[in-house]
Amino acid sequence: MPKYTPGPWRMNQSGEIWSYARGAAPSQIGTVSWTGEATERQGNAQIIAASADLSECLDEVLLLVSQPEIADAILGSERLVTRARMILDNARTVLKEATGREIPEWPLRDPSDARLDG
C-alpha cells in the first residue's frame, strides 16, 4: 500500500512543501511549480498542504460513524440515512483514492481496525 509523509504539511511561496510531522524535525518533501493567478496558486498550495491532515481526518470520521451505536442512530433516522449514505460513500471513495486502501461499505468497518476497541 502506498505511504505518504506525515502531516501537517506547509507550502511556502516558492513552492517548497515541508512536513512538520509531530515529534520530528521539519523536512522538505517536495517542490511544486505552476503558473496561473496568484490567488489560484495560493488556493492550490493550501489544498496540497492540507491533504495529509484531510486524509487522516476523513479516516477517523469513517471509523467513528462505523461504530455500532452511531451507525444505528444514523440508520434509524429517516431524515439522515439517505444523505449520510451518499456522503459516506463519497468519503470512502476519496479515502480509497488517497490511500489505496480498500474500505468497507458503510456501515461495515474493517474488522482489523481496533483503534476504538476496548
PDB file of N, CA and C in Angstrom:
ATOM      1  N   MET A   1       0.837  -1.166   0.000  1.00  0.00           N
ATOM      2  CA  MET A   1       0.000   0.000   0.000  1.00  0.00           C
ATOM      3  C   MET A   1       0.890   1.240   0.000  1.00  0.00           C
ATOM      4  N   PRO A   2       0.536   2.254  -0.787  1.00  0.00           N
ATOM      5  CA  PRO A   2       1.349   3.470  -0.817  1.00  0.00           C
ATOM      6  C   PRO A   2       1.353   4.167   0.539  1.00  0.00           C
ATOM      7  N   LYS A   3       2.405   4.859   0.825  1.00  0.00           N
ATOM      8  CA  LYS A   3       2.508   5.640   2.055  1.00  0.00           C
ATOM      9  C   LYS A   3       2.723   7.096   1.670  1.00  0.00           C
ATOM     10  N   TYR A   4       2.542   7.967   2.625  1.00  0.00           N
ATOM     11  CA  TYR A   4       2.811   9.382   2.397  1.00  0.00           C
ATOM     12  C   TYR A   4       3.548   9.932   3.608  1.00  0.00           C
ATOM     13  N   THR A   5       4.172  11.060   3.420  1.00  0.00           N
ATOM     14  CA  THR A   5       4.881  11.719   4.502  1.00  0.00           C
ATOM     15  C   THR A   5       3.853  12.288   5.472  1.00  0.00           C
ATOM     16  N   PRO A   6       4.023  12.025   6.763  1.00  0.00           N
ATOM     17  CA  PRO A   6       3.037  12.513   7.730  1.00  0.00           C
ATOM     18  C   PRO A   6       2.892  14.031   7.703  1.00  0.00           C
ATOM     19  N   GLY A   7       1.704  14.500   8.014  1.00  0.00           N
ATOM     20  CA  GLY A   7       1.426  15.929   8.119  1.00  0.00           C
ATOM     21  C   GLY A   7       1.676  16.383   9.545  1.00  0.00           C
ATOM     22  N   PRO A   8       1.434  17.617   9.819  1.00  0.00           N
ATOM     23  CA  PRO A   8       0.926  18.598   8.876  1.00  0.00           C
ATOM     24  C   PRO A   8       1.977  19.045   7.886  1.00  0.00           C
ATOM     25  N   TRP A   9       1.499  19.429   6.718  1.00  0.00           N
ATOM     26  CA  TRP A   9       2.356  19.955   5.659  1.00  0.00           C
ATOM     27  C   TRP A   9       2.153  21.460   5.564  1.00  0.00           C
ATOM     28  N   ARG A  10       3.164  22.123   5.103  1.00  0.00           N
ATOM     29  CA  ARG A  10       3.087  23.557   4.809  1.00  0.00           C
ATOM     30  C   ARG A  10       3.791  23.793   3.479  1.00  0.00           C
ATOM     31  N   MET A  11       3.290  24.757   2.738  1.00  0.00           N
ATOM     32  CA  MET A  11       3.926  25.111   1.467  1.00  0.00           C
ATOM     33  C   MET A  11       4.259  26.600   1.531  1.00  0.00           C
ATOM     34  N   ASN A  12       5.503  26.946   1.195  1.00  0.00           N
ATOM     35  CA  ASN A  12       5.853  28.356   1.187  1.00  0.00           C
ATOM     36  C   ASN A  12       5.653  28.940  -0.218  1.00  0.00           C
ATOM     37  N   GLN A  13       5.865  30.243  -0.345  1.00  0.00           N
ATOM     38  CA  GLN A  13       5.561  30.911  -1.615  1.00  0.00           C
ATOM     39  C   GLN A  13       6.464  30.474  -2.756  1.00  0.00           C
ATOM     40  N   SER A  14       7.612  29.900  -2.444  1.00  0.00           N
ATOM     41  CA  SER A  14       8.494  29.433  -3.522  1.00  0.00           C
ATOM     42  C   SER A  14       8.081  28.056  -4.036  1.00  0.00           C
ATOM     43  N   GLY A  15       7.051  27.438  -3.412  1.00  0.00           N
ATOM     44  CA  GLY A  15       6.562  26.141  -3.858  1.00  0.00           C
ATOM     45  C   GLY A  15       7.144  24.959  -3.101  1.00  0.00           C
ATOM     46  N   GLU A  16       7.991  25.216  -2.107  1.00  0.00           N
ATOM     47  CA  GLU A  16       8.547  24.120  -1.309  1.00  0.00           C
ATOM     48  C   GLU A  16       7.469  23.580  -0.375  1.00  0.00           C
ATOM     49  N   ILE A  17       7.359  22.272  -0.311  1.00  0.00           N
ATOM     50  CA  ILE A  17       6.415  21.620   0.593  1.00  0.00           C
ATOM     51  C   ILE A  17       7.223  21.014   1.729  1.00  0.00           C
ATOM     52  N   TRP A  18       6.813  21.326   2.963  1.00  0.00           N
ATOM     53  CA  TRP A  18       7.523  20.857   4.147  1.00  0.00           C
ATOM     54  C   TRP A  18       6.591  20.044   5.027  1.00  0.00           C
ATOM     55  N   SER A  19       7.142  18.993   5.616  1.00  0.00           N
ATOM     56  CA  SER A  19       6.422  18.193   6.596  1.00  0.00           C
ATOM     57  C   SER A  19       6.854  18.635   7.985  1.00  0.00           C
ATOM     58  N   TYR A  20       5.856  18.867   8.829  1.00  0.00           N
ATOM     59  CA  TYR A  20       6.102  19.199  10.227  1.00  0.00           C
ATOM     60  C   TYR A  20       5.500  18.087  11.080  1.00  0.00           C
ATOM     61  N   ALA A  21       5.917  16.870  10.780  1.00  0.00           N
ATOM     62  CA  ALA A  21       5.379  15.699  11.480  1.00  0.00           C
ATOM     63  C   ALA A  21       5.592  15.848  12.976  1.00  0.00           C
ATOM     64  N   ARG A  22       4.574  15.493  13.717  1.00  0.00           N
ATOM     65  CA  ARG A  22       4.636  15.614  15.171  1.00  0.00           C
ATOM     66  C   ARG A  22       5.824  14.819  15.719  1.00  0.00           C
ATOM     67  N   GLY A  23       6.643  15.498  16.506  1.00  0.00           N
ATOM     68  CA  GLY A  23       7.780  14.836  17.122  1.00  0.00           C
ATOM     69  C   GLY A  23       9.008  14.721  16.239  1.00  0.00           C
ATOM     70  N   ALA A  24       8.964  15.285  15.048  1.00  0.00           N
ATOM     71  CA  ALA A  24      10.111  15.195  14.125  1.00  0.00           C
ATOM     72  C   ALA A  24      10.513  16.607  13.680  1.00  0.00           C
ATOM     73  N   ALA A  25      11.747  16.714  13.249  1.00  0.00           N
ATOM     74  CA  ALA A  25      12.212  17.996  12.716  1.00  0.00           C
ATOM     75  C   ALA A  25      11.550  18.245  11.364  1.00  0.00           C
ATOM     76  N   PRO A  26      11.262  19.500  11.024  1.00  0.00           N
ATOM     77  CA  PRO A  26      10.692  19.801   9.712  1.00  0.00           C
ATOM     78  C   PRO A  26      11.595  19.272   8.602  1.00  0.00           C
ATOM     79  N   SER A  27      10.967  18.754   7.555  1.00  0.00           N
ATOM     80  CA  SER A  27      11.758  18.281   6.420  1.00  0.00           C
ATOM     81  C   SER A  27      11.040  18.634   5.127  1.00  0.00           C
ATOM     82  N   GLN A  28      11.853  19.023   4.136  1.00  0.00           N
ATOM     83  CA  GLN A  28      11.281  19.352   2.839  1.00  0.00           C
ATOM     84  C   GLN A  28      10.919  18.057   2.129  1.00  0.00           C
ATOM     85  N   ILE A  29       9.690  17.975   1.607  1.00  0.00           N
ATOM     86  CA  ILE A  29       9.248  16.745   0.949  1.00  0.00           C
ATOM     87  C   ILE A  29       8.994  16.938  -0.532  1.00  0.00           C
ATOM     88  N   GLY A  30       9.098  18.163  -1.020  1.00  0.00           N
ATOM     89  CA  GLY A  30       8.887  18.365  -2.445  1.00  0.00           C
ATOM     90  C   GLY A  30       8.852  19.829  -2.802  1.00  0.00           C
ATOM     91  N   THR A  31       8.783  20.061  -4.094  1.00  0.00           N
ATOM     92  CA  THR A  31       8.649  21.407  -4.625  1.00  0.00           C
ATOM     93  C   THR A  31       7.649  21.362  -5.767  1.00  0.00           C
ATOM     94  N   VAL A  32       6.764  22.328  -5.783  1.00  0.00           N
ATOM     95  CA  VAL A  32       5.748  22.419  -6.824  1.00  0.00           C
ATOM     96  C   VAL A  32       6.000  23.687  -7.623  1.00  0.00           C
ATOM     97  N   SER A  33       5.863  23.567  -8.925  1.00  0.00           N
ATOM     98  CA  SER A  33       5.992  24.724  -9.802  1.00  0.00           C
ATOM     99  C   SER A  33       4.761  24.778 -10.685  1.00  0.00           C
ATOM    100  N   TRP A  34       4.093  25.915 -10.737  1.00  0.00           N
ATOM    101  CA  TRP A  34       2.928  26.054 -11.589  1.00  0.00           C
ATOM    102  C   TRP A  34       2.766  27.488 -12.037  1.00  0.00           C
ATOM    103  N   THR A  35       1.871  27.673 -12.958  1.00  0.00           N
ATOM    104  CA  THR A  35       1.570  29.008 -13.460  1.00  0.00           C
ATOM    105  C   THR A  35       0.130  29.330 -13.090  1.00  0.00           C
ATOM    106  N   GLY A  36      -0.278  30.523 -13.380  1.00  0.00           N
ATOM    107  CA  GLY A  36      -1.651  30.924 -13.109  1.00  0.00           C
ATOM    108  C   GLY A  36      -1.693  32.125 -12.193  1.00  0.00           C
ATOM    109  N   GLU A  37      -2.912  32.515 -11.867  1.00  0.00           N
ATOM    110  CA  GLU A  37      -3.128  33.658 -10.990  1.00  0.00           C
ATOM    111  C   GLU A  37      -2.586  33.376  -9.588  1.00  0.00           C
ATOM    112  N   ALA A  38      -2.110  34.414  -8.930  1.00  0.00           N
ATOM    113  CA  ALA A  38      -1.548  34.262  -7.579  1.00  0.00           C
ATOM    114  C   ALA A  38      -2.575  33.665  -6.615  1.00  0.00           C
ATOM    115  N   THR A  39      -3.827  34.101  -6.719  1.00  0.00           N
ATOM    116  CA  THR A  39      -4.845  33.571  -5.799  1.00  0.00           C
ATOM    117  C   THR A  39      -5.093  32.090  -6.060  1.00  0.00           C
ATOM    118  N   GLU A  40      -5.018  31.681  -7.319  1.00  0.00           N
ATOM    119  CA  GLU A  40      -5.200  30.262  -7.650  1.00  0.00           C
ATOM    120  C   GLU A  40      -4.015  29.450  -7.148  1.00  0.00           C
ATOM    121  N   ARG A  41      -2.815  29.966  -7.309  1.00  0.00           N
ATOM    122  CA  ARG A  41      -1.633  29.264  -6.797  1.00  0.00           C
ATOM    123  C   ARG A  41      -1.728  29.114  -5.284  1.00  0.00           C
ATOM    124  N   GLN A  42      -2.172  30.169  -4.605  1.00  0.00           N
ATOM    125  CA  GLN A  42      -2.310  30.116  -3.152  1.00  0.00           C
ATOM    126  C   GLN A  42      -3.358  29.073  -2.751  1.00  0.00           C
ATOM    127  N   GLY A  43      -4.470  29.057  -3.452  1.00  0.00           N
ATOM    128  CA  GLY A  43      -5.517  28.067  -3.164  1.00  0.00           C
ATOM    129  C   GLY A  43      -5.030  26.651  -3.394  1.00  0.00           C
ATOM    130  N   ASN A  44      -4.316  26.426  -4.492  1.00  0.00           N
ATOM    131  CA  ASN A  44      -3.760  25.099  -4.774  1.00  0.00           C
ATOM    132  C   ASN A  44      -2.755  24.693  -3.698  1.00  0.00           C
ATOM    133  N   ALA A  45      -1.933  25.649  -3.275  1.00  0.00           N
ATOM    134  CA  ALA A  45      -0.948  25.365  -2.229  1.00  0.00           C
ATOM    135  C   ALA A  45      -1.643  24.968  -0.936  1.00  0.00           C
ATOM    136  N   GLN A  46      -2.734  25.635  -0.609  1.00  0.00           N
ATOM    137  CA  GLN A  46      -3.443  25.315   0.626  1.00  0.00           C
ATOM    138  C   GLN A  46      -4.063  23.922   0.563  1.00  0.00           C
ATOM    139  N   ILE A  47      -4.626  23.543  -0.587  1.00  0.00           N
ATOM    140  CA  ILE A  47      -5.209  22.209  -0.742  1.00  0.00           C
ATOM    141  C   ILE A  47      -4.127  21.139  -0.609  1.00  0.00           C
ATOM    142  N   ILE A  48      -2.997  21.347  -1.262  1.00  0.00           N
ATOM    143  CA  ILE A  48      -1.900  20.380  -1.185  1.00  0.00           C
ATOM    144  C   ILE A  48      -1.398  20.263   0.249  1.00  0.00           C
ATOM    145  N   ALA A  49      -1.207  21.399   0.902  1.00  0.00           N
ATOM    146  CA  ALA A  49      -0.685  21.389   2.269  1.00  0.00           C
ATOM    147  C   ALA A  49      -1.655  20.703   3.235  1.00  0.00           C
ATOM    148  N   ALA A  50      -2.943  20.820   2.988  1.00  0.00           N
ATOM    149  CA  ALA A  50      -3.936  20.239   3.899  1.00  0.00           C
ATOM    150  C   ALA A  50      -4.239  18.772   3.603  1.00  0.00           C
ATOM    151  N   SER A  51      -3.763  18.245   2.498  1.00  0.00           N
ATOM    152  CA  SER A  51      -4.206  16.922   2.058  1.00  0.00           C
ATOM    153  C   SER A  51      -3.880  15.794   3.045  1.00  0.00           C
ATOM    154  N   ALA A  52      -2.731  15.799   3.669  1.00  0.00           N
ATOM    155  CA  ALA A  52      -2.403  14.732   4.623  1.00  0.00           C
ATOM    156  C   ALA A  52      -3.334  14.789   5.827  1.00  0.00           C
ATOM    157  N   ASP A  53      -3.544  15.991   6.364  1.00  0.00           N
ATOM    158  CA  ASP A  53      -4.448  16.135   7.511  1.00  0.00           C
ATOM    159  C   ASP A  53      -5.884  15.797   7.126  1.00  0.00           C
ATOM    160  N   LEU A  54      -6.322  16.196   5.944  1.00  0.00           N
ATOM    161  CA  LEU A  54      -7.676  15.870   5.493  1.00  0.00           C
ATOM    162  C   LEU A  54      -7.876  14.364   5.373  1.00  0.00           C
ATOM    163  N   SER A  55      -6.886  13.678   4.832  1.00  0.00           N
ATOM    164  CA  SER A  55      -6.970  12.233   4.683  1.00  0.00           C
ATOM    165  C   SER A  55      -7.070  11.550   6.050  1.00  0.00           C
ATOM    166  N   GLU A  56      -6.242  11.967   6.999  1.00  0.00           N
ATOM    167  CA  GLU A  56      -6.274  11.383   8.335  1.00  0.00           C
ATOM    168  C   GLU A  56      -7.606  11.678   9.025  1.00  0.00           C
ATOM    169  N   CYS A  57      -8.107  12.889   8.875  1.00  0.00           N
ATOM    170  CA  CYS A  57      -9.383  13.270   9.483  1.00  0.00           C
ATOM    171  C   CYS A  57     -10.530  12.457   8.892  1.00  0.00           C
ATOM    172  N   LEU A  58     -10.544  12.304   7.579  1.00  0.00           N
ATOM    173  CA  LEU A  58     -11.593  11.536   6.916  1.00  0.00           C
ATOM    174  C   LEU A  58     -11.567  10.079   7.376  1.00  0.00           C
ATOM    175  N   ASP A  59     -10.387   9.528   7.546  1.00  0.00           N
ATOM    176  CA  ASP A  59     -10.250   8.169   8.042  1.00  0.00           C
ATOM    177  C   ASP A  59     -10.858   8.044   9.442  1.00  0.00           C
ATOM    178  N   GLU A  60     -10.596   9.014  10.304  1.00  0.00           N
ATOM    179  CA  GLU A  60     -11.139   8.998  11.666  1.00  0.00           C
ATOM    180  C   GLU A  60     -12.662   9.153  11.655  1.00  0.00           C
ATOM    181  N   VAL A  61     -13.198  10.014  10.786  1.00  0.00           N
ATOM    182  CA  VAL A  61     -14.645  10.198  10.697  1.00  0.00           C
ATOM    183  C   VAL A  61     -15.312   8.894  10.262  1.00  0.00           C
ATOM    184  N   LEU A  62     -14.757   8.229   9.247  1.00  0.00           N
ATOM    185  CA  LEU A  62     -15.333   6.962   8.802  1.00  0.00           C
ATOM    186  C   LEU A  62     -15.279   5.906   9.898  1.00  0.00           C
ATOM    187  N   LEU A  63     -14.200   5.884  10.650  1.00  0.00           N
ATOM    188  CA  LEU A  63     -14.106   4.952  11.776  1.00  0.00           C
ATOM    189  C   LEU A  63     -15.186   5.262  12.813  1.00  0.00           C
ATOM    190  N   LEU A  64     -15.349   6.525  13.135  1.00  0.00           N
ATOM    191  CA  LEU A  64     -16.321   6.927  14.146  1.00  0.00           C
ATOM    192  C   LEU A  64     -17.751   6.581  13.739  1.00  0.00           C
ATOM    193  N   VAL A  65     -18.151   6.928  12.522  1.00  0.00           N
ATOM    194  CA  VAL A  65     -19.537   6.686  12.113  1.00  0.00           C
ATOM    195  C   VAL A  65     -19.805   5.211  11.831  1.00  0.00           C
ATOM    196  N   SER A  66     -18.780   4.391  11.827  1.00  0.00           N
ATOM    197  CA  SER A  66     -18.968   2.951  11.651  1.00  0.00           C
ATOM    198  C   SER A  66     -19.124   2.230  12.989  1.00  0.00           C
ATOM    199  N   GLN A  67     -19.018   2.959  14.088  1.00  0.00           N
ATOM    200  CA  GLN A  67     -19.250   2.350  15.398  1.00  0.00           C
ATOM    201  C   GLN A  67     -20.731   2.009  15.506  1.00  0.00           C
ATOM    202  N   PRO A  68     -21.062   0.837  16.046  1.00  0.00           N
ATOM    203  CA  PRO A  68     -22.451   0.367  16.042  1.00  0.00           C
ATOM    204  C   PRO A  68     -23.470   1.381  16.562  1.00  0.00           C
ATOM    205  N   GLU A  69     -23.170   2.047  17.676  1.00  0.00           N
ATOM    206  CA  GLU A  69     -24.147   2.969  18.247  1.00  0.00           C
ATOM    207  C   GLU A  69     -24.390   4.183  17.350  1.00  0.00           C
ATOM    208  N   ILE A  70     -23.375   4.629  16.662  1.00  0.00           N
ATOM    209  CA  ILE A  70     -23.538   5.781  15.764  1.00  0.00           C
ATOM    210  C   ILE A  70     -24.188   5.335  14.460  1.00  0.00           C
ATOM    211  N   ALA A  71     -23.727   4.212  13.920  1.00  0.00           N
ATOM    212  CA  ALA A  71     -24.335   3.690  12.691  1.00  0.00           C
ATOM    213  C   ALA A  71     -25.818   3.405  12.906  1.00  0.00           C
ATOM    214  N   ASP A  72     -26.178   2.810  14.028  1.00  0.00           N
ATOM    215  CA  ASP A  72     -27.585   2.516  14.318  1.00  0.00           C
ATOM    216  C   ASP A  72     -28.412   3.790  14.407  1.00  0.00           C
ATOM    217  N   ALA A  73     -27.857   4.830  15.022  1.00  0.00           N
ATOM    218  CA  ALA A  73     -28.585   6.101  15.133  1.00  0.00           C
ATOM    219  C   ALA A  73     -28.833   6.712  13.757  1.00  0.00           C
ATOM    220  N   ILE A  74     -27.836   6.669  12.892  1.00  0.00           N
ATOM    221  CA  ILE A  74     -27.998   7.215  11.538  1.00  0.00           C
ATOM    222  C   ILE A  74     -28.976   6.363  10.740  1.00  0.00           C
ATOM    223  N   LEU A  75     -28.792   5.040  10.803  1.00  0.00           N
ATOM    224  CA  LEU A  75     -29.674   4.139  10.058  1.00  0.00           C
ATOM    225  C   LEU A  75     -31.123   4.227  10.531  1.00  0.00           C
ATOM    226  N   GLY A  76     -31.316   4.573  11.787  1.00  0.00           N
ATOM    227  CA  GLY A  76     -32.658   4.672  12.340  1.00  0.00           C
ATOM    228  C   GLY A  76     -33.331   6.009  12.092  1.00  0.00           C
ATOM    229  N   SER A  77     -32.637   6.924  11.455  1.00  0.00           N
ATOM    230  CA  SER A  77     -33.201   8.242  11.201  1.00  0.00           C
ATOM    231  C   SER A  77     -33.560   8.379   9.728  1.00  0.00           C
ATOM    232  N   GLU A  78     -34.859   8.392   9.457  1.00  0.00           N
ATOM    233  CA  GLU A  78     -35.329   8.536   8.078  1.00  0.00           C
ATOM    234  C   GLU A  78     -34.795   9.822   7.449  1.00  0.00           C
ATOM    235  N   ARG A  79     -34.659  10.845   8.272  1.00  0.00           N
ATOM    236  CA  ARG A  79     -34.196  12.151   7.794  1.00  0.00           C
ATOM    237  C   ARG A  79     -32.713  12.139   7.411  1.00  0.00           C
ATOM    238  N   LEU A  80     -31.910  11.309   8.060  1.00  0.00           N
ATOM    239  CA  LEU A  80     -30.459  11.329   7.866  1.00  0.00           C
ATOM    240  C   LEU A  80     -29.902  10.239   6.953  1.00  0.00           C
ATOM    241  N   VAL A  81     -30.525   9.091   6.900  1.00  0.00           N
ATOM    242  CA  VAL A  81     -29.896   7.902   6.338  1.00  0.00           C
ATOM    243  C   VAL A  81     -29.519   8.053   4.863  1.00  0.00           C
ATOM    244  N   THR A  82     -30.374   8.617   4.040  1.00  0.00           N
ATOM    245  CA  THR A  82     -30.059   8.723   2.606  1.00  0.00           C
ATOM    246  C   THR A  82     -28.877   9.652   2.375  1.00  0.00           C
ATOM    247  N   ARG A  83     -28.919  10.808   2.991  1.00  0.00           N
ATOM    248  CA  ARG A  83     -27.825  11.783   2.839  1.00  0.00           C
ATOM    249  C   ARG A  83     -26.535  11.231   3.438  1.00  0.00           C
ATOM    250  N   ALA A  84     -26.624  10.589   4.596  1.00  0.00           N
ATOM    251  CA  ALA A  84     -25.437  10.020   5.236  1.00  0.00           C
ATOM    252  C   ALA A  84     -24.791   8.971   4.346  1.00  0.00           C
ATOM    253  N   ARG A  85     -25.594   8.096   3.760  1.00  0.00           N
ATOM    254  CA  ARG A  85     -25.033   7.068   2.866  1.00  0.00           C
ATOM    255  C   ARG A  85     -24.298   7.706   1.689  1.00  0.00           C
ATOM    256  N   MET A  86     -24.883   8.743   1.109  1.00  0.00           N
ATOM    257  CA  MET A  86     -24.255   9.409  -0.026  1.00  0.00           C
ATOM    258  C   MET A  86     -22.920  10.045   0.395  1.00  0.00           C
ATOM    259  N   ILE A  87     -22.920  10.744   1.507  1.00  0.00           N
ATOM    260  CA  ILE A  87     -21.705  11.406   1.994  1.00  0.00           C
ATOM    261  C   ILE A  87     -20.637  10.372   2.345  1.00  0.00           C
ATOM    262  N   LEU A  88     -21.019   9.306   3.028  1.00  0.00           N
ATOM    263  CA  LEU A  88     -20.041   8.310   3.469  1.00  0.00           C
ATOM    264  C   LEU A  88     -19.518   7.477   2.307  1.00  0.00           C
ATOM    265  N   ASP A  89     -20.346   7.208   1.294  1.00  0.00           N
ATOM    266  CA  ASP A  89     -19.854   6.531   0.090  1.00  0.00           C
ATOM    267  C   ASP A  89     -18.831   7.400  -0.624  1.00  0.00           C
ATOM    268  N   ASN A  90     -19.120   8.687  -0.691  1.00  0.00           N
ATOM    269  CA  ASN A  90     -18.197   9.627  -1.312  1.00  0.00           C
ATOM    270  C   ASN A  90     -16.886   9.687  -0.520  1.00  0.00           C
ATOM    271  N   ALA A  91     -16.995   9.756   0.796  1.00  0.00           N
ATOM    272  CA  ALA A  91     -15.807   9.796   1.650  1.00  0.00           C
ATOM    273  C   ALA A  91     -14.969   8.537   1.475  1.00  0.00           C
ATOM    274  N   ARG A  92     -15.629   7.404   1.402  1.00  0.00           N
ATOM    275  CA  ARG A  92     -14.936   6.121   1.207  1.00  0.00           C
ATOM    276  C   ARG A  92     -14.168   6.115  -0.109  1.00  0.00           C
ATOM    277  N   THR A  93     -14.801   6.605  -1.158  1.00  0.00           N
ATOM    278  CA  THR A  93     -14.161   6.666  -2.475  1.00  0.00           C
ATOM    279  C   THR A  93     -12.943   7.581  -2.441  1.00  0.00           C
ATOM    280  N   VAL A  94     -13.085   8.746  -1.838  1.00  0.00           N
ATOM    281  CA  VAL A  94     -11.976   9.706  -1.758  1.00  0.00           C
ATOM    282  C   VAL A  94     -10.828   9.127  -0.945  1.00  0.00           C
ATOM    283  N   LEU A  95     -11.142   8.516   0.188  1.00  0.00           N
ATOM    284  CA  LEU A  95     -10.088   7.952   1.030  1.00  0.00           C
ATOM    285  C   LEU A  95      -9.385   6.794   0.329  1.00  0.00           C
ATOM    286  N   LYS A  96     -10.137   5.970  -0.391  1.00  0.00           N
ATOM    287  CA  LYS A  96      -9.522   4.881  -1.143  1.00  0.00           C
ATOM    288  C   LYS A  96      -8.584   5.444  -2.214  1.00  0.00           C
ATOM    289  N   GLU A  97      -9.028   6.509  -2.880  1.00  0.00           N
ATOM    290  CA  GLU A  97      -8.197   7.140  -3.908  1.00  0.00           C
ATOM    291  C   GLU A  97      -6.927   7.728  -3.300  1.00  0.00           C
ATOM    292  N   ALA A  98      -7.045   8.319  -2.123  1.00  0.00           N
ATOM    293  CA  ALA A  98      -5.902   8.962  -1.483  1.00  0.00           C
ATOM    294  C   ALA A  98      -4.924   7.967  -0.883  1.00  0.00           C
ATOM    295  N   THR A  99      -5.433   6.825  -0.391  1.00  0.00           N
ATOM    296  CA  THR A  99      -4.566   5.899   0.348  1.00  0.00           C
ATOM    297  C   THR A  99      -4.317   4.576  -0.363  1.00  0.00           C
ATOM    298  N   GLY A 100      -5.189   4.215  -1.301  1.00  0.00           N
ATOM    299  CA  GLY A 100      -5.081   2.909  -1.946  1.00  0.00           C
ATOM    300  C   GLY A 100      -5.671   1.781  -1.128  1.00  0.00           C
ATOM    301  N   ARG A 101      -6.211   2.086   0.054  1.00  0.00           N
ATOM    302  CA  ARG A 101      -6.792   1.068   0.938  1.00  0.00           C
ATOM    303  C   ARG A 101      -8.207   0.711   0.512  1.00  0.00           C
ATOM    304  N   GLU A 102      -8.544  -0.554   0.664  1.00  0.00           N
ATOM    305  CA  GLU A 102      -9.929  -0.997   0.492  1.00  0.00           C
ATOM    306  C   GLU A 102     -10.672  -0.663   1.781  1.00  0.00           C
ATOM    307  N   ILE A 103     -11.754   0.045   1.663  1.00  0.00           N
ATOM    308  CA  ILE A 103     -12.520   0.452   2.835  1.00  0.00           C
ATOM    309  C   ILE A 103     -13.914  -0.137   2.712  1.00  0.00           C
ATOM    310  N   PRO A 104     -14.372  -0.854   3.745  1.00  0.00           N
ATOM    311  CA  PRO A 104     -15.682  -1.495   3.655  1.00  0.00           C
ATOM    312  C   PRO A 104     -16.801  -0.476   3.439  1.00  0.00           C
ATOM    313  N   GLU A 105     -17.847  -0.931   2.776  1.00  0.00           N
ATOM    314  CA  GLU A 105     -19.010  -0.071   2.566  1.00  0.00           C
ATOM    315  C   GLU A 105     -19.689   0.178   3.905  1.00  0.00           C
ATOM    316  N   TRP A 106     -20.041   1.422   4.170  1.00  0.00           N
ATOM    317  CA  TRP A 106     -20.685   1.783   5.423  1.00  0.00           C
ATOM    318  C   TRP A 106     -22.054   1.131   5.506  1.00  0.00           C
ATOM    319  N   PRO A 107     -22.455   0.590   6.640  1.00  0.00           N
ATOM    320  CA  PRO A 107     -21.945   0.802   7.993  1.00  0.00           C
ATOM    321  C   PRO A 107     -20.914  -0.224   8.462  1.00  0.00           C
ATOM    322  N   LEU A 108     -20.442  -1.066   7.557  1.00  0.00           N
ATOM    323  CA  LEU A 108     -19.412  -2.036   7.954  1.00  0.00           C
ATOM    324  C   LEU A 108     -18.115  -1.313   8.257  1.00  0.00           C
ATOM    325  N   ARG A 109     -17.267  -1.958   9.025  1.00  0.00           N
ATOM    326  CA  ARG A 109     -15.937  -1.405   9.282  1.00  0.00           C
ATOM    327  C   ARG A 109     -14.912  -2.500   9.123  1.00  0.00           C
ATOM    328  N   ASP A 110     -13.688  -2.100   8.954  1.00  0.00           N
ATOM    329  CA  ASP A 110     -12.581  -3.037   8.814  1.00  0.00           C
ATOM    330  C   ASP A 110     -12.407  -3.772  10.145  1.00  0.00           C
ATOM    331  N   PRO A 111     -12.639  -5.089  10.180  1.00  0.00           N
ATOM    332  CA  PRO A 111     -12.547  -5.819  11.456  1.00  0.00           C
ATOM    333  C   PRO A 111     -11.142  -5.814  12.051  1.00  0.00           C
ATOM    334  N   SER A 112     -10.140  -5.529  11.251  1.00  0.00           N
ATOM    335  CA  SER A 112      -8.772  -5.496  11.783  1.00  0.00           C
ATOM    336  C   SER A 112      -8.438  -4.142  12.406  1.00  0.00           C
ATOM    337  N   ASP A 113      -9.315  -3.158  12.243  1.00  0.00           N
ATOM    338  CA  ASP A 113      -9.081  -1.810  12.795  1.00  0.00           C
ATOM    339  C   ASP A 113      -9.581  -1.770  14.234  1.00  0.00           C
ATOM    340  N   ALA A 114      -8.663  -1.799  15.174  1.00  0.00           N
ATOM    341  CA  ALA A 114      -9.010  -1.859  16.596  1.00  0.00           C
ATOM    342  C   ALA A 114      -8.806  -0.522  17.305  1.00  0.00           C
ATOM    343  N   ARG A 115      -8.727   0.571  16.553  1.00  0.00           N
ATOM    344  CA  ARG A 115      -8.414   1.860  17.174  1.00  0.00           C
ATOM    345  C   ARG A 115      -9.433   2.283  18.226  1.00  0.00           C
ATOM    346  N   LEU A 116     -10.690   1.923  18.083  1.00  0.00           N
ATOM    347  CA  LEU A 116     -11.694   2.320  19.079  1.00  0.00           C
ATOM    348  C   LEU A 116     -12.183   1.156  19.930  1.00  0.00           C
ATOM    349  N   ASP A 117     -11.536   0.022  19.815  1.00  0.00           N
ATOM    350  CA  ASP A 117     -11.919  -1.127  20.637  1.00  0.00           C
ATOM    351  C   ASP A 117     -11.351  -0.967  22.050  1.00  0.00           C
ATOM    352  N   GLY A 118     -12.035  -1.624  22.978  1.00  0.00           N
ATOM    353  CA  GLY A 118     -11.503  -1.698  24.323  1.00  0.00           C
ATOM    354  C   GLY A 118     -11.943  -0.628  25.159  1.00  0.00           C
TER     355      GLY A 118
END
